[in-house]
Protein backbone atom coordinates (compact mmCIF):
# COMPACT_ATOMS: atom_id res chain seq x y z
CA LEU A 1 1.25 -13.20 -7.36
CA THR A 2 4.52 -14.47 -8.76
CA SER A 3 6.47 -11.24 -8.19
CA LEU A 4 5.97 -11.26 -4.39
CA ARG A 5 9.12 -12.22 -2.50
CA PRO A 6 11.08 -11.21 0.59
CA CYS A 7 12.54 -7.73 0.16
CA THR A 8 16.29 -7.34 -0.25
CA PRO A 9 18.39 -4.26 0.61
CA LEU A 10 19.27 -3.62 -3.04
CA PRO A 11 17.80 -4.79 -6.37
CA GLN A 12 18.78 -8.36 -7.14
CA GLU A 13 17.54 -8.72 -10.70
CA ARG A 14 17.43 -6.62 -13.81
CA GLY A 15 14.39 -4.37 -13.90
CA GLU A 16 13.93 -4.11 -10.12
CA ALA A 17 13.58 -0.59 -8.80
CA ARG A 18 16.23 1.11 -6.70
CA GLY A 19 14.99 3.58 -4.09
CA HIS A 20 15.98 7.23 -4.29
CA VAL A 21 16.03 10.19 -1.92
CA GLN A 22 16.60 13.90 -2.25
CA HIS A 23 19.92 15.03 -0.80
CA ASN A 24 21.26 18.58 -1.04
CA GLY A 25 18.85 19.34 -3.86
CA ALA A 26 19.79 16.30 -5.95
CA ILE A 27 18.03 12.96 -6.39
CA VAL A 28 20.44 10.19 -5.36
CA PRO A 29 20.16 6.45 -4.75
CA ALA A 30 18.93 5.65 -1.25
CA ALA A 31 21.22 3.80 1.12
CA PRO A 32 20.50 0.07 1.38
CA GLU A 33 17.66 -0.61 3.82
CA ASN A 34 18.17 -2.98 6.75
CA MET A 35 15.53 -5.60 5.98
CA ASN A 36 15.85 -7.21 9.42
CA TRP A 37 13.52 -4.61 10.98
CA ILE A 38 10.80 -4.86 8.30
CA ARG A 39 8.56 -7.50 9.78
CA GLY A 40 5.23 -5.85 10.61
CA ASP A 41 4.45 -5.30 6.95
CA GLY A 42 5.52 -8.80 5.98
CA GLY A 43 8.77 -7.67 4.39
CA LEU A 44 7.41 -8.48 0.91
CA CYS A 45 8.26 -6.72 -2.32
CA GLY A 46 6.62 -7.11 -5.70
CA ASN A 47 5.22 -5.29 -8.70
CA GLY A 48 2.14 -3.09 -8.98
CA LEU A 49 0.09 -5.64 -10.90
CA ASP A 50 0.49 -8.25 -8.18
CA LEU A 51 -0.35 -5.68 -5.49
CA ALA A 52 -3.54 -4.85 -7.41
CA ARG A 53 -4.33 -8.56 -7.72
CA TRP A 54 -3.78 -9.04 -3.96
CA THR A 55 -6.08 -6.11 -3.19
CA ARG A 56 -8.83 -7.62 -5.36
CA LEU A 57 -8.36 -11.13 -3.97
CA LEU A 58 -8.60 -9.81 -0.42
CA ALA A 59 -11.83 -7.93 -1.16
CA SER A 60 -13.35 -10.91 -3.00
CA GLY A 61 -13.11 -13.29 -0.04
CA ARG A 62 -10.37 -15.43 -1.59
CA VAL A 63 -7.70 -14.58 1.00
CA VAL A 64 -9.79 -14.45 4.16
CA THR A 65 -13.42 -15.45 4.64
CA PRO A 66 -16.06 -12.88 3.73
CA GLN A 67 -16.91 -12.63 7.45
CA SER A 68 -13.28 -11.87 8.33
CA PHE A 69 -13.06 -9.29 5.55
CA LEU A 70 -16.16 -7.54 6.93
CA LYS A 71 -14.36 -7.30 10.28
CA MET A 72 -11.28 -5.90 8.52
CA VAL A 73 -13.30 -3.10 6.95
CA ALA A 74 -15.35 -2.18 10.02
CA PRO A 75 -14.41 1.03 11.86
CA THR A 76 -12.46 0.49 15.08
CA ARG A 77 -13.77 1.56 18.46
CA LEU A 78 -10.98 2.91 20.68
CA ALA A 79 -10.76 2.34 24.42
CA ASP A 80 -12.18 5.82 25.05
CA GLY A 81 -15.25 4.99 22.94
CA ARG A 82 -14.31 7.00 19.86
CA LEU A 83 -14.85 5.37 16.48
CA VAL A 84 -12.01 5.71 13.95
CA GLU A 85 -12.14 5.08 10.22
CA TYR A 86 -9.52 2.37 10.31
CA GLY A 87 -10.06 -1.39 10.20
CA PHE A 88 -7.49 -4.16 10.48
CA GLY A 89 -4.69 -2.66 8.39
CA LEU A 90 -7.00 -0.70 6.08
CA SER A 91 -8.06 2.93 6.20
CA LEU A 92 -11.77 3.34 5.57
CA VAL A 93 -11.85 6.77 4.03
CA THR A 94 -14.12 8.10 1.33
CA LEU A 95 -13.24 10.00 -1.82
CA ASP A 96 -15.90 12.34 -3.13
CA GLY A 97 -18.54 10.27 -1.33
CA ARG A 98 -17.26 6.91 -2.66
CA ARG A 99 -16.22 4.21 -0.20
CA LYS A 100 -12.52 3.50 -0.31
CA LEU A 101 -10.38 0.85 1.38
CA ALA A 102 -6.71 1.72 1.33
CA HIS A 103 -3.27 1.15 2.73
CA ASN A 104 -0.24 3.36 2.21
CA GLY A 105 3.35 2.75 3.10
CA ALA A 106 6.86 4.05 2.74
CA MET A 107 10.41 3.11 3.51
CA LEU A 108 13.75 4.65 2.66
CA GLY A 109 13.57 5.44 -1.05
CA PHE A 110 10.06 4.07 -1.73
CA SER A 111 6.39 5.10 -1.33
CA ALA A 112 3.27 3.06 -2.08
CA SER A 113 -0.51 3.26 -2.07
CA ALA A 114 -3.10 0.58 -2.78
CA ALA A 115 -6.78 1.54 -2.87
CA TYR A 116 -9.96 -0.35 -3.66
CA TYR A 117 -13.30 1.30 -4.34
CA PRO A 118 -15.81 -1.51 -3.70
CA ASP A 119 -18.87 0.18 -5.20
CA SER A 120 -17.23 0.58 -8.60
CA GLU A 121 -14.75 -2.33 -8.21
CA LEU A 122 -11.91 0.05 -9.03
CA THR A 123 -8.39 -0.77 -7.84
CA VAL A 124 -5.61 1.84 -7.99
CA VAL A 125 -2.01 1.05 -7.05
CA VAL A 126 0.81 3.60 -7.07
CA LEU A 127 4.42 2.55 -6.47
CA VAL A 128 7.18 5.16 -6.54
CA ASN A 129 10.91 4.72 -6.02
CA ARG A 130 11.14 7.90 -3.95
CA GLY A 131 10.30 7.87 -0.26
CA ASP A 132 9.17 11.49 -0.12
CA VAL A 133 6.39 11.38 -2.74
CA ARG A 134 2.78 11.84 -1.56
CA VAL A 135 1.43 8.81 -3.38
CA GLU A 136 -2.09 9.17 -1.96
CA SER A 137 -2.48 12.40 -3.93
CA ILE A 138 -1.52 10.55 -7.12
CA GLU A 139 -3.92 7.70 -6.28
CA ARG A 140 -6.81 10.11 -5.68
CA GLY A 141 -6.15 11.87 -8.98
CA ILE A 142 -6.24 8.57 -10.87
CA ALA A 143 -9.40 7.42 -9.08
CA ARG A 144 -11.19 10.67 -9.88
CA ARG A 145 -10.50 10.20 -13.61
């Protein structure tokens, strides 16, 4: 997971992505993001391969214990008694009847989706340097193939 590091407002090294937004019909570089407020998500940036590795390591019991992972992927019971398809930071949706564990995110100029299909051991990660792209649709299309 060598690419994971604290996020910076703008790319620091050659090859790092710069976020973009649509403004008045044109695609333009996004304004620098204030990284001081990004704390709930860990404030980490990295490449797609490392995000896929992280997703696999988490599901394999190498990040948290298998018992803790089972708690992470259990539906949550709300105070009113309803059960929601969301664990600890992971949505527990299905795609065409296949179990799927996923997390999506976005910030100014970027969108991301990481999904793991435990029954087929398929991992799909989509990272886009546009904040207005529906990355889950791209992820589902790849998973269906």
